[in-house]
Amino acid sequence: MPAIMTFDSNEVCELVGIRPLLLNKFVERKTYGIQPSVRSGKGRGGRRLFSPDDVFGIALVWWFFESGLRSNVIQIVLDGICQAKRARADQAAKRLIEKKIQRVRVQIESRESPRLKMPTLRVYLITQENPNVLRPVAMELEVPVGHLYWFVLHKMKRLTGLPQGE
């Protein structure tokens, strides 16, 4: 049986560029469903080991966070990607990779009333086949997930010694 590729917390931080404190915060609070796939040992001495799917989910959330989105908005975007409530980061990342999504575009429409808690958000998954989904009166944030996943994948291969080819 082939060994499952895993990465410890330090390697995840190196691969994704996330700060260890924030990664620990996500894991301890189970924010966006982020948790290690494997835990070696029990208690505080156990190591957290993350699968490639876990790493891609963490990376996705980190890119949204770095783009300036707030935590509750990130969850709305993950839900929009998965078309489900309380979607996990790894689920959203897997869907983006499987569908070969190039960019995630978040359109934010102005609040129609000051009583609304949040502006209206729309999430679009952009591929080469549908590059121009636009609403002219919305603010937009676009994250180039396709390129960013490719970058993390190549760092994973370099870290694990796997061939660097396509």
Protein backbone atom coordinates (compact mmCIF):
# COMPACT_ATOMS: atom_id res chain seq x y z
CA MET A 1 0.00 0.00 0.00
CA PRO A 2 1.52 3.37 -0.97
CA ALA A 3 2.29 5.83 1.81
CA ILE A 4 -0.02 8.83 2.15
CA MET A 5 1.77 12.11 1.52
CA THR A 6 1.48 14.31 4.62
CA PHE A 7 2.92 17.60 5.78
CA ASP A 8 3.48 18.83 9.32
CA SER A 9 2.46 22.31 10.48
CA ASN A 10 5.86 23.86 9.71
CA GLU A 11 5.80 22.46 6.19
CA VAL A 12 2.23 23.74 5.66
CA CYS A 13 3.34 27.21 6.74
CA GLU A 14 6.26 27.04 4.32
CA LEU A 15 4.09 25.77 1.44
CA VAL A 16 1.23 28.22 1.89
CA GLY A 17 2.96 31.24 3.42
CA ILE A 18 0.61 31.35 6.41
CA ARG A 19 1.88 32.33 9.84
CA PRO A 20 2.05 29.43 12.35
CA LEU A 21 -0.07 31.34 14.87
CA LEU A 22 -2.92 31.76 12.39
CA LEU A 23 -2.71 28.13 11.22
CA ASN A 24 -2.93 26.99 14.86
CA LYS A 25 -5.89 29.32 15.41
CA PHE A 26 -7.74 27.85 12.39
CA VAL A 27 -7.04 24.27 13.54
CA GLU A 28 -7.91 24.78 17.20
CA ARG A 29 -11.18 26.55 16.38
CA LYS A 30 -11.89 24.24 13.42
CA THR A 31 -12.56 27.39 11.42
CA TYR A 32 -13.74 26.53 7.89
CA GLY A 33 -13.49 22.84 8.84
CA ILE A 34 -9.69 23.04 8.84
CA GLN A 35 -8.18 20.12 10.69
CA PRO A 36 -5.32 17.71 10.14
CA SER A 37 -6.19 14.46 8.36
CA VAL A 38 -3.75 12.51 10.50
CA ARG A 39 -2.70 12.99 14.08
CA SER A 40 0.29 11.03 15.32
CA GLY A 41 0.20 10.44 19.04
CA LYS A 42 -2.29 11.78 21.54
CA GLY A 43 -2.50 14.93 23.58
CA ARG A 44 -0.39 18.05 23.22
CA GLY A 45 2.68 16.10 22.09
CA GLY A 46 0.97 14.68 19.01
CA ARG A 47 1.99 16.01 15.61
CA ARG A 48 -0.56 17.40 13.21
CA LEU A 49 -0.17 15.95 9.75
CA PHE A 50 -2.03 17.44 6.80
CA SER A 51 -2.89 15.78 3.48
CA PRO A 52 -2.45 17.63 0.17
CA ASP A 53 -6.23 18.30 0.19
CA ASP A 54 -5.89 19.87 3.64
CA VAL A 55 -3.00 22.02 2.42
CA PHE A 56 -4.96 23.24 -0.61
CA GLY A 57 -7.94 24.09 1.64
CA ILE A 58 -5.71 26.03 4.03
CA ALA A 59 -4.11 27.81 1.07
CA LEU A 60 -7.52 28.80 -0.33
CA VAL A 61 -8.65 30.31 2.97
CA TRP A 62 -5.29 32.04 3.40
CA TRP A 63 -5.52 33.65 -0.08
CA PHE A 64 -9.01 34.95 0.69
CA PHE A 65 -7.80 36.25 4.08
CA GLU A 66 -4.78 37.92 2.48
CA SER A 67 -7.11 39.47 -0.13
CA GLY A 68 -8.83 41.34 2.68
CA LEU A 69 -11.97 39.26 3.17
CA ARG A 70 -13.33 38.93 6.69
CA SER A 71 -13.94 35.55 8.30
CA ASN A 72 -17.71 35.51 7.85
CA VAL A 73 -17.33 36.57 4.20
CA ILE A 74 -14.76 33.80 3.60
CA GLN A 75 -17.33 31.26 4.84
CA ILE A 76 -19.94 32.74 2.47
CA VAL A 77 -17.48 32.40 -0.42
CA LEU A 78 -16.68 28.77 0.51
CA ASP A 79 -20.43 28.08 0.66
CA GLY A 80 -20.83 29.70 -2.77
CA ILE A 81 -18.07 27.56 -4.25
CA CYS A 82 -19.58 24.34 -2.88
CA GLN A 83 -23.20 25.47 -3.18
CA ALA A 84 -23.79 24.22 0.35
CA LYS A 85 -23.99 25.67 3.86
CA ARG A 86 -20.99 25.39 6.20
CA ALA A 87 -18.71 24.18 3.40
CA ARG A 88 -15.23 23.14 4.49
CA ALA A 89 -12.11 24.68 3.00
CA ASP A 90 -10.81 21.32 1.72
CA GLN A 91 -14.15 20.63 -0.04
CA ALA A 92 -14.08 24.03 -1.75
CA ALA A 93 -10.45 23.60 -2.81
CA LYS A 94 -11.14 20.13 -4.20
CA ARG A 95 -14.09 21.43 -6.21
CA LEU A 96 -12.01 24.26 -7.67
CA ILE A 97 -9.21 21.88 -8.65
CA GLU A 98 -11.55 19.28 -10.17
CA LYS A 99 -13.40 21.92 -12.22
CA LYS A 100 -10.08 23.51 -13.31
CA ILE A 101 -11.18 26.90 -12.04
CA GLN A 102 -8.72 29.64 -12.98
CA ARG A 103 -10.06 32.44 -10.76
CA VAL A 104 -12.68 32.99 -8.10
CA ARG A 105 -14.47 36.30 -8.54
CA VAL A 106 -16.40 37.75 -5.60
CA GLN A 107 -18.79 40.55 -6.52
CA ILE A 108 -20.02 42.76 -3.72
CA GLU A 109 -23.09 44.88 -4.35
CA SER A 110 -23.80 47.98 -2.30
CA ARG A 111 -26.34 47.59 0.47
CA GLU A 112 -29.79 48.61 -0.60
CA SER A 113 -30.62 49.61 2.96
CA PRO A 114 -28.48 50.60 5.93
CA ARG A 115 -30.44 48.02 7.98
CA LEU A 116 -28.92 45.12 6.05
CA LYS A 117 -26.15 43.37 7.99
CA MET A 118 -24.12 42.51 4.91
CA PRO A 119 -23.95 43.59 1.30
CA THR A 120 -25.05 41.08 -1.33
CA LEU A 121 -22.20 38.76 -2.37
CA ARG A 122 -22.04 36.69 -5.53
CA VAL A 123 -19.33 34.10 -6.14
CA TYR A 124 -18.32 33.22 -9.71
CA LEU A 125 -15.98 30.40 -10.69
CA ILE A 126 -14.01 31.52 -13.73
CA THR A 127 -12.58 29.11 -16.30
CA GLN A 128 -11.15 29.71 -19.75
CA GLU A 129 -14.59 28.93 -21.19
CA ASN A 130 -16.47 31.58 -19.17
CA PRO A 131 -14.02 34.43 -18.49
CA ASN A 132 -16.42 37.40 -18.42
CA VAL A 133 -19.20 37.18 -15.87
CA LEU A 134 -19.71 40.79 -14.84
CA ARG A 135 -22.22 43.02 -13.12
CA PRO A 136 -21.37 46.64 -13.89
CA VAL A 137 -22.45 48.08 -10.52
CA ALA A 138 -20.58 45.73 -8.21
CA MET A 139 -17.20 45.93 -6.52
CA GLU A 140 -15.04 42.92 -7.34
CA LEU A 141 -12.29 40.86 -5.84
CA GLU A 142 -10.65 38.21 -7.97
CA VAL A 143 -8.26 35.55 -6.65
CA PRO A 144 -6.16 33.63 -9.23
CA VAL A 145 -6.60 30.23 -7.59
CA GLY A 146 -5.44 28.21 -10.61
CA HIS A 147 -1.99 29.79 -10.62
CA LEU A 148 -1.74 29.74 -6.84
CA TYR A 149 -2.59 26.00 -6.62
CA TRP A 150 0.01 25.26 -9.30
CA PHE A 151 2.58 27.18 -7.26
CA VAL A 152 1.77 25.25 -4.03
CA LEU A 153 1.78 21.92 -5.90
CA HIS A 154 5.28 22.56 -7.23
CA LYS A 155 6.50 23.54 -3.77
CA MET A 156 5.01 20.26 -2.45
CA LYS A 157 6.84 18.27 -5.12
CA ARG A 158 10.12 20.02 -4.33
CA LEU A 159 9.64 19.45 -0.59
CA THR A 160 8.85 15.73 -1.02
CA GLY A 161 11.37 15.06 -3.78
CA LEU A 162 8.73 14.11 -6.37
CA PRO A 163 9.42 14.84 -10.06
CA GLN A 164 8.68 18.44 -11.04
CA GLY A 165 7.01 17.64 -14.41
CA GLU A 166 3.41 18.46 -15.27
